[in-house]
Protein backbone atom coordinates (compact mmCIF):
# COMPACT_ATOMS: atom_id res chain seq x y z
CA MET A 1 0.00 0.00 0.00
CA ILE A 2 2.83 2.37 0.89
CA ARG A 3 4.42 1.64 -2.49
CA GLY A 4 1.18 2.63 -4.22
CA ILE A 5 0.89 5.87 -2.24
CA ARG A 6 4.52 6.90 -2.68
CA PRO A 7 4.14 8.18 -6.30
CA LEU A 8 1.26 10.42 -5.18
CA LEU A 9 3.59 12.15 -2.71
CA SER A 10 6.68 12.30 -4.93
CA GLY A 11 7.77 15.69 -6.20
CA SER A 12 9.06 14.11 -9.42
CA THR A 13 5.49 13.11 -10.30
CA TYR A 14 4.34 16.72 -10.34
CA SER A 15 7.47 17.98 -12.08
CA GLY A 16 6.68 15.42 -14.78
CA MET A 17 3.12 16.75 -14.96
CA LEU A 18 4.56 20.24 -15.32
CA PHE A 19 6.53 18.90 -18.27
CA ALA A 20 3.26 17.63 -19.78
CA TYR A 21 1.61 21.04 -19.24
CA CYS A 22 4.55 22.73 -20.97
CA GLY A 23 3.96 20.54 -24.04
CA ALA A 24 0.30 21.57 -24.13
CA LEU A 25 1.12 25.26 -23.77
CA ALA A 26 3.90 25.10 -26.37
CA SER A 27 1.39 23.88 -28.98
CA LEU A 28 -0.94 26.86 -28.53
CA PRO A 29 0.93 29.26 -30.90
CA LEU A 30 0.25 26.76 -33.74
CA LEU A 31 -3.50 26.64 -33.12
CA PRO A 32 -4.34 29.94 -34.96
CA PHE A 33 -2.66 28.58 -38.11
CA ALA A 34 -4.75 25.40 -37.82
CA LEU A 35 -7.93 27.53 -37.63
CA LEU A 36 -7.27 29.32 -40.91
CA PRO A 37 -8.96 26.69 -43.14
CA THR A 38 -12.20 27.05 -41.14
CA LEU A 39 -12.28 30.74 -42.09
CA ALA A 40 -11.93 29.80 -45.74
CA TRP A 41 -14.67 27.13 -45.48
CA PRO A 42 -17.25 28.50 -43.03
CA SER A 43 -20.13 26.45 -44.46
CA ALA A 44 -18.55 23.12 -43.55
CA PRO A 45 -20.26 21.08 -40.82
CA TYR A 46 -18.92 21.62 -37.33
CA GLY A 47 -17.66 18.04 -37.03
CA VAL A 48 -15.73 18.33 -40.30
CA GLN A 49 -14.22 21.63 -39.21
CA ALA A 50 -13.14 20.15 -35.85
CA VAL A 51 -11.49 17.13 -37.48
CA LEU A 52 -9.79 19.36 -40.06
CA VAL A 53 -8.44 21.69 -37.36
CA LEU A 54 -7.11 18.75 -35.31
CA LEU A 55 -5.40 17.19 -38.34
CA ILE A 56 -3.74 20.44 -39.39
CA TRP A 57 -2.75 21.17 -35.80
CA ALA A 58 -1.18 17.71 -35.48
CA ALA A 59 0.67 18.15 -38.78
CA LEU A 60 2.12 21.50 -37.66
CA ILE A 61 3.22 20.00 -34.33
CA GLY A 62 4.88 17.11 -36.16
CA LEU A 63 6.71 19.50 -38.49
CA ALA A 64 8.00 21.41 -35.46
CA GLY A 65 9.51 18.13 -34.26
CA LEU A 66 11.65 17.92 -37.40
CA ALA A 67 13.64 21.05 -36.45
CA ARG A 68 17.22 20.28 -35.42
CA THR A 69 17.05 22.12 -32.11
CA THR A 70 13.69 20.66 -31.04
CA ARG A 71 15.04 17.28 -30.01
CA ARG A 72 17.93 18.71 -28.02
CA ALA A 73 15.56 21.03 -26.16
CA LEU A 74 13.11 18.19 -25.45
CA ILE A 75 15.92 15.96 -24.14
CA ALA A 76 17.18 18.73 -21.85
CA PHE A 77 13.70 19.40 -20.43
CA ALA A 78 12.97 15.67 -20.06
CA ARG A 79 16.17 15.19 -18.07
CA ARG A 80 15.30 18.10 -15.80
CA LEU A 81 11.55 17.60 -15.24
CA LEU A 82 10.91 13.92 -16.01
CA ARG A 83 14.14 12.85 -14.25
CA VAL A 84 14.93 10.46 -17.13
CA PRO A 85 18.64 9.87 -17.87
CA LEU A 86 18.86 10.67 -21.59
CA PRO A 87 22.23 11.18 -23.34
CA ASP A 88 22.79 14.08 -25.69
CA PRO A 89 22.19 13.06 -29.30
CA ALA A 90 25.43 11.99 -30.96
CA ALA A 91 24.24 12.97 -34.45
CA GLU A 92 21.18 14.15 -36.27
CA PRO A 93 18.80 11.21 -36.84
CA SER A 94 18.27 10.03 -40.38
CA GLY A 95 15.80 7.82 -42.19
CA ALA A 96 12.97 6.44 -40.09
CA GLY A 97 14.66 7.78 -36.95
CA ARG A 98 13.74 11.33 -37.96
CA TRP A 99 10.07 10.62 -37.22
CA ARG A 100 10.68 9.58 -33.61
CA THR A 101 10.83 13.18 -32.41
CA PRO A 102 7.61 14.30 -34.18
CA LEU A 103 5.83 11.22 -32.79
CA TRP A 104 7.08 12.05 -29.29
CA LEU A 105 5.95 15.65 -29.67
CA LEU A 106 2.45 14.61 -30.75
CA LEU A 107 2.10 12.18 -27.85
CA HIS A 108 3.56 14.75 -25.47
CA VAL A 109 1.04 17.39 -26.52
CA ALA A 110 -1.87 14.91 -26.47
CA LEU A 111 -0.99 13.69 -22.99
CA GLY A 112 -0.42 17.25 -21.85
CA TRP A 113 -3.86 18.42 -22.96
CA THR A 114 -5.57 15.27 -21.65
CA GLY A 115 -3.86 15.53 -18.29
CA ALA A 116 -4.38 19.29 -18.03
CA LEU A 117 -8.10 19.19 -18.82
CA THR A 118 -8.84 16.11 -16.70
CA SER A 119 -6.85 17.14 -13.66
CA GLY A 120 -8.07 20.75 -13.98
CA VAL A 121 -11.72 19.71 -13.90
CA LEU A 122 -11.13 17.33 -10.98
CA ILE A 123 -9.24 19.93 -8.96
CA LEU A 124 -11.94 22.54 -9.64
CA MET A 125 -14.60 20.10 -8.44
CA GLY A 126 -12.57 19.23 -5.36
CA ILE A 127 -12.32 22.89 -4.43
CA ALA A 128 -15.87 23.95 -5.29
CA LEU A 129 -17.95 21.08 -3.90
CA PRO A 130 -17.25 21.30 -0.12
CA GLY A 131 -18.44 24.92 0.13
CA ASN A 132 -21.20 24.45 -2.44
CA TRP A 133 -19.63 27.35 -4.35
CA LEU A 134 -21.62 28.58 -7.29
CA ASP A 135 -24.38 26.14 -6.21
CA ALA A 136 -22.05 23.33 -7.28
CA GLU A 137 -23.59 19.89 -7.33
CA ALA A 138 -21.93 16.74 -8.63
CA GLY A 139 -21.98 13.01 -8.33
CA LEU A 140 -19.46 10.20 -8.44
CA SER A 141 -20.36 6.89 -10.01
CA LEU A 142 -18.22 3.84 -9.27
CA PHE A 143 -19.07 0.21 -10.08
CA GLY A 144 -22.70 1.01 -10.79
CA ARG A 145 -23.28 2.96 -7.57
CA SER A 146 -23.78 6.73 -7.49
CA LEU A 147 -22.82 9.17 -4.77
CA ARG A 148 -24.27 12.67 -5.13
CA SER A 149 -23.09 15.72 -3.24
CA ASP A 150 -25.63 17.59 -1.17
CA GLY A 151 -23.47 20.17 0.60
CA GLY A 152 -22.82 17.87 3.60
CA TRP A 153 -20.24 15.18 4.33
CA ARG A 154 -20.96 13.59 0.96
CA SER A 155 -19.67 16.74 -0.76
CA TRP A 156 -16.43 16.45 1.20
CA ALA A 157 -16.14 12.77 0.26
CA VAL A 158 -16.68 13.53 -3.43
CA ALA A 159 -14.24 16.46 -3.27
CA LEU A 160 -11.57 14.24 -1.68
CA CYS A 161 -12.12 11.59 -4.34
CA CYS A 162 -11.77 14.25 -7.06
CA LEU A 163 -8.47 15.48 -5.63
CA LEU A 164 -7.14 11.92 -5.34
CA LEU A 165 -8.19 11.22 -8.93
CA ALA A 166 -6.38 14.39 -10.04
CA ALA A 167 -3.22 13.13 -8.34
CA VAL A 168 -3.68 9.71 -9.98
CA VAL A 169 -3.98 11.43 -13.37
CA CYS A 170 -0.64 13.15 -12.71
CA VAL A 171 0.96 9.80 -11.81
CA VAL A 172 -0.40 8.11 -14.95
CA VAL A 173 0.59 10.92 -17.33
CA THR A 174 4.08 11.20 -15.83
CA GLY A 175 4.53 7.42 -15.94
CA VAL A 176 3.52 7.21 -19.59
CA LEU A 177 5.88 10.04 -20.53
CA ARG A 178 8.75 8.41 -18.63
CA TRP A 179 8.08 5.13 -20.42
CA LEU A 180 7.99 6.83 -23.83
CA ALA A 181 11.00 9.13 -23.37
CA PRO A 182 13.81 6.52 -23.68
CA ARG A 183 12.05 4.87 -26.62
CA LEU A 184 11.44 8.03 -28.66
CA LEU A 185 13.94 10.59 -27.33
CA GLY A 186 16.66 8.10 -26.42
CA PRO A 187 19.39 7.12 -28.88
CA SER A 188 18.49 4.92 -31.81
CA SER A 189 20.59 1.91 -32.80
CA ALA A 190 22.70 4.03 -35.14
CA GLU A 191 23.19 6.67 -32.44
CA ARG A 192 24.18 4.01 -29.90
CA LEU A 193 26.86 2.79 -32.29
CA ALA A 194 28.05 6.38 -32.80
CA LEU A 195 28.14 6.94 -29.01
CA MET A 196 30.12 3.73 -28.51
CA ALA A 197 32.56 4.69 -31.25
CA GLU A 198 32.99 8.16 -29.75
CA ARG A 199 33.53 6.68 -26.28
CA GLU A 200 36.11 4.21 -27.58
CA GLN A 201 37.91 7.01 -29.39
CA ARG A 202 38.06 9.08 -26.19
CA LEU A 203 39.37 6.10 -24.22
CA ALA A 204 41.98 5.37 -26.87
CA GLU A 205 43.10 9.00 -26.84
CA ARG A 206 43.34 9.05 -23.05
CA ASN A 207 45.29 5.80 -23.03
CA LYS A 208 47.65 7.29 -25.58
CA LEU A 209 48.08 10.39 -23.42
CA ALA A 210 48.70 8.20 -20.37
CA HIS A 211 51.42 6.35 -22.25
CA GLU A 212 53.00 9.61 -23.38
CA LEU A 213 52.98 11.00 -19.85
CA HIS A 214 54.41 7.81 -18.40
CA ASP A 215 57.18 7.65 -20.99
CA SER A 216 58.11 11.33 -20.89
CA ILE A 217 57.59 12.35 -17.25
CA GLY A 218 58.74 9.02 -15.84
CA HIS A 219 61.97 9.14 -17.80
CA THR A 220 62.57 12.79 -16.93
CA LEU A 221 62.06 12.28 -13.20
CA THR A 222 64.37 9.26 -13.18
CA ALA A 223 67.08 11.00 -15.19
CA THR A 224 66.92 14.29 -13.28
CA THR A 225 67.07 12.51 -9.92
CA ILE A 226 70.27 10.76 -10.95
CA GLN A 227 71.69 13.90 -12.53
CA ALA A 228 70.96 15.95 -9.42
CA ALA A 229 72.75 13.35 -7.29
CA VAL A 230 75.75 13.41 -9.64
CA ALA A 231 75.84 17.22 -9.61
CA GLY A 232 75.77 17.24 -5.80
CA GLU A 233 78.66 14.78 -5.56
CA VAL A 234 80.99 16.54 -8.03
CA LEU A 235 80.01 20.14 -7.26
CA SER A 236 83.20 20.90 -5.33
CA ALA A 237 85.61 18.58 -7.11
CA ASP A 238 84.49 19.14 -10.70
CA PRO A 239 82.29 22.27 -11.17
CA GLY A 240 82.30 21.78 -14.93
CA ALA A 241 80.71 18.34 -14.67
CA ALA A 242 78.19 19.70 -12.17
CA ARG A 243 77.22 22.50 -14.58
CA ALA A 244 76.83 19.96 -17.40
CA ALA A 245 74.54 17.85 -15.22
CA LEU A 246 72.45 20.90 -14.33
CA ARG A 247 72.17 21.88 -18.00
CA SER A 248 70.99 18.35 -18.76
CA ILE A 249 68.39 18.63 -16.01
CA GLU A 250 67.16 21.89 -17.54
CA GLU A 251 66.89 20.37 -21.02
CA SER A 252 65.07 17.29 -19.72
CA ALA A 253 62.62 19.38 -17.71
CA ARG A 254 61.91 21.68 -20.67
CA ALA A 255 61.14 18.70 -22.94
CA ALA A 256 58.88 17.18 -20.28
CA LEU A 257 57.04 20.49 -19.83
CA GLU A 258 56.26 20.59 -23.55
CA ASP A 259 54.72 17.12 -23.33
CA LEU A 260 52.82 18.05 -20.16
CA ASP A 261 51.42 21.27 -21.69
CA TYR A 262 50.11 19.33 -24.68
CA VAL A 263 48.48 16.62 -22.53
CA LEU A 264 46.83 19.14 -20.19
CA GLY A 265 45.49 21.09 -23.17
CA VAL A 266 43.84 17.95 -24.53
CA LEU A 267 42.41 16.96 -21.12
CA ARG A 268 40.90 20.45 -20.74
CA GLU A 269 39.33 20.03 -24.20
CA GLU A 270 41.05 23.18 -25.33
CA THR A 271 42.65 23.73 -28.71
CA ALA A 272 46.07 22.37 -27.88
CA GLU A 273 49.19 22.99 -29.88
CA THR A 274 50.61 20.28 -32.09
CA ALA A 275 51.83 17.35 -30.05
CA PRO A 276 55.60 17.46 -29.48
CA THR A 277 57.20 14.84 -31.68
CA ARG A 278 60.19 12.84 -30.52
CA THR A 279 61.69 10.59 -33.17
CA LEU A 280 64.85 8.57 -33.67
CA ALA A 281 66.45 11.84 -34.81
CA ASP A 282 66.24 12.93 -31.15
CA LEU A 283 67.92 9.76 -29.89
CA PRO A 284 71.45 11.27 -29.67
CA GLU A 285 70.10 14.03 -27.41
CA LEU A 286 68.45 11.42 -25.17
CA LEU A 287 71.66 9.41 -24.96
CA ASP A 288 73.67 12.55 -24.12
CA ARG A 289 71.35 13.34 -21.23
CA LEU A 290 71.84 9.83 -19.88
CA ARG A 291 75.62 10.15 -20.16
CA HIS A 292 75.45 13.42 -18.20
CA ALA A 293 73.50 11.49 -15.58
CA GLY A 294 76.50 9.18 -15.20
CA ALA A 295 75.21 6.25 -17.24
CA VAL A 296 77.73 4.20 -19.22
CA LEU A 297 76.25 3.45 -22.63
CA GLU A 298 77.39 1.01 -25.28
CA VAL A 299 75.54 2.19 -28.40
CA ASP A 300 75.23 0.26 -31.65
CA LEU A 301 73.37 2.18 -34.39
CA SER A 302 73.15 0.75 -37.90
CA GLY A 303 71.11 1.45 -41.01
CA GLU A 304 69.51 4.64 -42.29
CA LEU A 305 67.60 5.67 -39.16
CA ALA A 306 66.65 9.03 -40.63
CA GLN A 307 64.68 7.28 -43.38
CA VAL A 308 62.37 5.40 -41.00
CA GLN A 309 58.76 6.60 -41.37
CA GLY A 310 57.34 9.00 -38.77
CA THR A 311 54.93 6.74 -36.84
CA ILE A 312 57.47 3.95 -36.40
CA SER A 313 60.21 6.46 -35.59
CA ARG A 314 58.13 8.12 -32.84
CA ALA A 315 57.15 4.76 -31.35
CA ALA A 316 60.78 3.58 -31.45
CA TYR A 317 61.92 6.66 -29.54
CA ARG A 318 59.32 6.09 -26.80
CA ILE A 319 60.21 2.38 -26.57
CA LEU A 320 63.90 3.14 -26.15
CA GLN A 321 63.10 5.91 -23.67
CA GLU A 322 61.07 3.52 -21.52
CA GLY A 323 63.71 0.80 -21.76
CA LEU A 324 66.50 3.18 -20.74
CA THR A 325 64.37 4.58 -17.90
CA ASN A 326 63.90 1.05 -16.52
CA ALA A 327 67.62 0.40 -16.90
CA LEU A 328 68.45 3.53 -14.88
CA ARG A 329 65.78 2.85 -12.28
CA HIS A 330 66.32 -0.87 -11.70
CA GLY A 331 69.73 -1.72 -13.14
CA THR A 332 72.97 -2.38 -11.26
CA GLY A 333 74.70 0.72 -12.61
CA GLY A 334 76.88 -1.17 -15.09
CA PRO A 335 77.07 -0.51 -18.82
CA ILE A 336 73.78 -0.26 -20.68
CA GLY A 337 73.73 -1.69 -24.17
CA VAL A 338 71.60 0.13 -26.74
CA ARG A 339 71.06 -1.33 -30.19
CA VAL A 340 69.08 0.19 -33.06
CA ALA A 341 69.16 -1.45 -36.47
CA ALA A 342 67.16 -0.25 -39.49
CA LEU A 343 66.82 -3.23 -41.82
CA PRO A 344 64.96 -3.28 -45.15
CA ASP A 345 61.87 -4.92 -43.68
CA ARG A 346 62.03 -4.22 -39.93
CA LEU A 347 63.42 -2.03 -37.20
CA GLU A 348 65.18 -3.80 -34.34
CA LEU A 349 65.53 -2.17 -30.94
CA GLY A 350 67.37 -3.53 -27.92
CA VAL A 351 68.31 -2.45 -24.42
CA VAL A 352 70.49 -4.71 -22.22
CA ASN A 353 71.59 -3.88 -18.69
CA GLY A 354 72.62 -5.49 -15.43
CA ALA A 355 69.65 -6.85 -13.46
CA GLY A 356 69.30 -5.14 -10.10
CA ALA A 357 67.12 -6.05 -7.15
CA GLY A 358 64.12 -4.39 -8.75
CA MET A 359 64.31 -6.75 -11.71
CA ARG A 360 65.66 -10.05 -10.41
CA THR A 361 64.52 -12.10 -7.46
CA GLY A 362 65.83 -15.60 -7.07
CA ALA A 363 67.53 -17.47 -9.89
CA GLY A 364 66.62 -15.79 -13.13
CA VAL A 365 63.14 -14.64 -11.99
CA PHE A 366 62.44 -11.04 -12.98
CA ARG A 367 59.84 -8.85 -11.29
CA THR A 368 58.44 -5.60 -12.65
CA SER A 369 55.80 -3.19 -11.38
CA GLY A 370 53.77 -0.32 -12.74
CA HIS A 371 52.44 0.21 -16.23
CA GLY A 372 55.65 0.68 -18.23
CA LEU A 373 56.10 -2.79 -19.71
CA PRO A 374 52.35 -3.39 -20.35
CA GLY A 375 52.27 -0.02 -22.10
CA LEU A 376 55.27 -1.01 -24.23
CA ALA A 377 53.67 -4.33 -25.12
CA GLU A 378 50.44 -2.60 -26.16
CA ARG A 379 52.32 -0.04 -28.26
CA VAL A 380 54.26 -2.79 -30.04
CA ARG A 381 51.11 -4.86 -30.59
CA LEU A 382 49.32 -1.92 -32.23
CA LEU A 383 52.24 -1.64 -34.65
CA HIS A 384 52.10 -5.40 -35.41
CA GLY A 385 55.54 -5.90 -33.92
CA GLU A 386 57.15 -8.39 -31.54
CA ILE A 387 58.53 -7.78 -28.06
CA GLU A 388 60.67 -9.89 -25.75
CA VAL A 389 61.32 -8.87 -22.16
CA GLY A 390 63.21 -10.92 -19.61
CA PRO A 391 66.52 -12.30 -18.41
CA ASP A 392 69.51 -12.46 -20.71
CA GLY A 393 71.72 -14.84 -18.82
CA PRO A 394 72.08 -14.85 -15.03
CA ARG A 395 73.16 -11.19 -14.67
CA HIS A 396 71.47 -9.20 -17.40
CA TRP A 397 68.03 -8.04 -18.37
CA ARG A 398 67.05 -7.53 -21.98
CA LEU A 399 64.35 -5.67 -23.90
CA ALA A 400 64.13 -6.61 -27.58
CA VAL A 401 61.57 -5.19 -30.02
CA ARG A 402 61.07 -5.84 -33.71
CA LEU A 403 58.80 -3.53 -35.68
CA PRO A 404 57.79 -4.07 -39.33
CA VAL A 405 58.93 -1.05 -41.25
CA ARG A 406 59.25 0.30 -44.75
CA VAL A 407 62.43 2.31 -45.25
CA SER A 408 62.02 5.10 -47.78
CA ALA A 409 64.34 5.20 -50.75
């Protein structure tokens, strides 16, 4: 019983009825245009004129539903007053989907007028009957039995029944509108596919940004921490080396700030500048920064690296950056081997370093944490490449990547 009474006391029921009233009122400006044919054909029977006016009025309301802004406005009002979770339309409907909004508008107006007239009459009766205003007399007939008001307690009973029926009308109209809204104002099958595609694109873009931030900021923080420690140790004994380390910190931080500015601009949905591009052409600068940080590098570069196409070149730079960051962070401090080979059909990348405690536990068992290696594996998979990560003998850790590539002539 309480469940049945609850809708009568809910504020959302009456906000939904207000939404229905708004539909009825919004159709009034079109009524004078629907009455014009009756002026041109005054001799027509009253019934014919009434049907003609209703048909023209319905046609004008349906045409209003074809306007581009009508559906967006209806969805916004339905979310606010009907409390129905409706997404914004992903695209303008086409084909048969274009007629869903006019159909909704016709039903909305019809329910609005029906609910307004019915509830209005019932509320007026509920107010007028108890005081016998305007010599009001009425009766209520239920299941074949009649109850007539006579100005006494029966009038109060009839008035109370009228007010309850008015509330029930509000519940019914609001319920019907809430049932219709997702089916007519909600996304169609084509719009659902468009929404899913848009959502997947946003997720892919955010994942890409997360990878870029991890690669760039993670490497910079690792390198600058080591460089700052080196500068602090040699500041008195070798000021020149300390200044070189500080310059390297400045260059690393500036490059990371460029990446961070781009990512923040995209996340704020602002018009960001072109994404900073790091390619294999920037590899010597990266290696120099690592040498200033005190890393010992054994570099093997072969092939025409400058001729590698842009997408593969950018991915290769990020892969090497992540591999070198892991070597600095987890390695034993020994020499780090870096190999880049541009072959006619593939690009081979390799990073080999001593396995520290963060990479090796037990006999040949390597442990990693974070999102660096999964991010590398995903990047390589998207480029249809191959990746191998793991021990290289008892004392070394190796990252090997092979990417299919077309070297320009």
